C-alpha atoms as a PDB file:
ATOM      1  CA  MET A   1      11.945  13.769 -14.168  1.00  0.00           C
ATOM      2  CA  PRO A   2      11.064  15.093 -17.596  1.00  0.00           C
ATOM      3  CA  GLU A   3       9.407  11.815 -18.677  1.00  0.00           C
ATOM      4  CA  VAL A   4       7.042  11.920 -15.682  1.00  0.00           C
ATOM      5  CA  ARG A   5       6.087  15.551 -16.246  1.00  0.00           C
ATOM      6  CA  ARG A   6       5.510  14.862 -19.969  1.00  0.00           C
ATOM      7  CA  THR A   7       3.281  11.863 -19.215  1.00  0.00           C
ATOM      8  CA  LEU A   8       1.210  13.735 -16.613  1.00  0.00           C
ATOM      9  CA  SER A   9       0.763  16.739 -18.944  1.00  0.00           C
ATOM     10  CA  ARG A  10      -0.679  14.507 -21.660  1.00  0.00           C
ATOM     11  CA  LEU A  11      -3.230  12.837 -19.395  1.00  0.00           C
ATOM     12  CA  PRO A  12      -6.720  14.191 -18.806  1.00  0.00           C
ATOM     13  CA  ARG A  13      -6.583  16.701 -15.936  1.00  0.00           C
ATOM     14  CA  PRO A  14      -8.692  14.567 -13.486  1.00  0.00           C
ATOM     15  CA  THR A  15      -6.453  11.543 -14.017  1.00  0.00           C
ATOM     16  CA  ALA A  16      -3.231  13.479 -13.598  1.00  0.00           C
ATOM     17  CA  GLU A  17      -4.613  15.171 -10.461  1.00  0.00           C
ATOM     18  CA  ARG A  18      -5.600  11.786  -9.027  1.00  0.00           C
ATOM     19  CA  ILE A  19      -2.126  10.348  -9.623  1.00  0.00           C
ATOM     20  CA  LEU A  20      -0.422  13.421  -8.063  1.00  0.00           C
ATOM     21  CA  ASP A  21      -2.796  13.250  -5.108  1.00  0.00           C
ATOM     22  CA  LYS A  22      -1.983   9.584  -4.453  1.00  0.00           C
ATOM     23  CA  ILE A  23       1.759  10.201  -4.791  1.00  0.00           C
ATOM     24  CA  GLU A  24       1.546  13.038  -2.252  1.00  0.00           C
ATOM     25  CA  LEU A  25      -0.612  10.927   0.088  1.00  0.00           C
ATOM     26  CA  TYR A  26       1.903   8.039  -0.080  1.00  0.00           C
ATOM     27  CA  ALA A  27       4.805  10.465   0.558  1.00  0.00           C
ATOM     28  CA  ALA A  28       3.035  11.898   3.599  1.00  0.00           C
ATOM     29  CA  GLU A  29       1.578   8.680   4.981  1.00  0.00           C
ATOM     30  CA  PRO A  30       2.890   5.463   3.469  1.00  0.00           C
ATOM     31  CA  GLN A  31       0.551   3.233   5.527  1.00  0.00           C
ATOM     32  CA  ALA A  32      -2.504   4.854   3.929  1.00  0.00           C
ATOM     33  CA  LEU A  33      -1.740   3.192   0.521  1.00  0.00           C
ATOM     34  CA  ALA A  34       0.311   0.179   1.739  1.00  0.00           C
ATOM     35  CA  ASN A  35      -2.109  -2.293   0.072  1.00  0.00           C
ATOM     36  CA  ASN A  36      -1.468  -0.677  -3.338  1.00  0.00           C
ATOM     37  CA  VAL A  37       2.334  -0.679  -3.127  1.00  0.00           C
ATOM     38  CA  LYS A  38       4.568  -3.620  -3.987  1.00  0.00           C
ATOM     39  CA  ARG A  39       8.289  -4.138  -4.341  1.00  0.00           C
ATOM     40  CA  LEU A  40       9.332  -4.799  -7.943  1.00  0.00           C
ATOM     41  CA  LYS A  41      10.817  -8.209  -8.723  1.00  0.00           C
ATOM     42  CA  GLY A  42      14.260  -8.181 -10.302  1.00  0.00           C
ATOM     43  CA  ASP A  43      14.476  -4.391 -10.037  1.00  0.00           C
ATOM     44  CA  GLN A  44      15.024  -1.968  -7.240  1.00  0.00           C
ATOM     45  CA  GLY A  45      12.055   0.105  -6.362  1.00  0.00           C
ATOM     46  CA  PHE A  46       8.371  -0.101  -5.884  1.00  0.00           C
ATOM     47  CA  ARG A  47       5.151   0.348  -7.797  1.00  0.00           C
ATOM     48  CA  LEU A  48       2.039   2.178  -6.728  1.00  0.00           C
ATOM     49  CA  ARG A  49      -1.218   1.041  -8.334  1.00  0.00           C
ATOM     50  CA  ILE A  50      -3.697   3.777  -9.179  1.00  0.00           C
ATOM     51  CA  GLY A  51      -6.524   2.334 -11.264  1.00  0.00           C
ATOM     52  CA  ASP A  52      -5.086   1.373 -14.705  1.00  0.00           C
ATOM     53  CA  TRP A  53      -1.915   3.401 -14.026  1.00  0.00           C
ATOM     54  CA  ARG A  54       1.311   2.445 -12.322  1.00  0.00           C
ATOM     55  CA  VAL A  55       3.764   4.817 -10.598  1.00  0.00           C
ATOM     56  CA  LEU A  56       7.249   3.363 -10.420  1.00  0.00           C
ATOM     57  CA  PHE A  57       9.375   4.878  -7.667  1.00  0.00           C
ATOM     58  CA  ASP A  58      12.302   4.541  -5.270  1.00  0.00           C
ATOM     59  CA  GLU A  59      12.226   5.694  -1.712  1.00  0.00           C
ATOM     60  CA  ASP A  60      14.596   6.270   1.188  1.00  0.00           C
ATOM     61  CA  ALA A  61      13.808   7.434   4.664  1.00  0.00           C
ATOM     62  CA  GLU A  62      12.528  10.873   3.677  1.00  0.00           C
ATOM     63  CA  THR A  63      12.113  10.967  -0.095  1.00  0.00           C
ATOM     64  CA  VAL A  64       9.868   9.358  -2.786  1.00  0.00           C
ATOM     65  CA  ILE A  65      11.573   9.544  -6.199  1.00  0.00           C
ATOM     66  CA  VAL A  66       9.151   8.909  -9.052  1.00  0.00           C
ATOM     67  CA  ARG A  67      10.856   7.151 -12.032  1.00  0.00           C
ATOM     68  CA  GLY A  68       7.842   6.680 -14.181  1.00  0.00           C
ATOM     69  CA  VAL A  69       4.038   6.930 -14.629  1.00  0.00           C
ATOM     70  CA  ARG A  70       2.791   4.342 -17.116  1.00  0.00           C
ATOM     71  CA  PRO A  71      -0.346   2.530 -18.125  1.00  0.00           C
ATOM     72  CA  ARG A  72      -0.717  -0.883 -16.524  1.00  0.00           C
ATOM     73  CA  GLY A  73       0.003  -2.866 -19.684  1.00  0.00           C
ATOM     74  CA  SER A  74       3.368  -1.315 -20.408  1.00  0.00           C
ATOM     75  CA  ALA A  75       4.561  -0.364 -16.937  1.00  0.00           C
ATOM     76  CA  TYR A  76       7.106  -3.178 -16.569  1.00  0.00           C
ATOM     77  CA  GLU A  77       8.734  -3.195 -19.973  1.00  0.00           C
END
């Protein structure tokens, strides 16, 4: 997703690395971050909370598809 890459490239390196690490951890072991993941209301997909950032994604049996990485205040607009 070009939007996701662009957002991550504009973030400070430690923040972007933290977000990528959490996405990879969730993809490998969903139960490790289960308390930070919620199903979105009125929309298909999920959100992963990472500090003040939200990762919006869809998943199937084997794949996590990231739709967006946004700050908490504007994640659901």
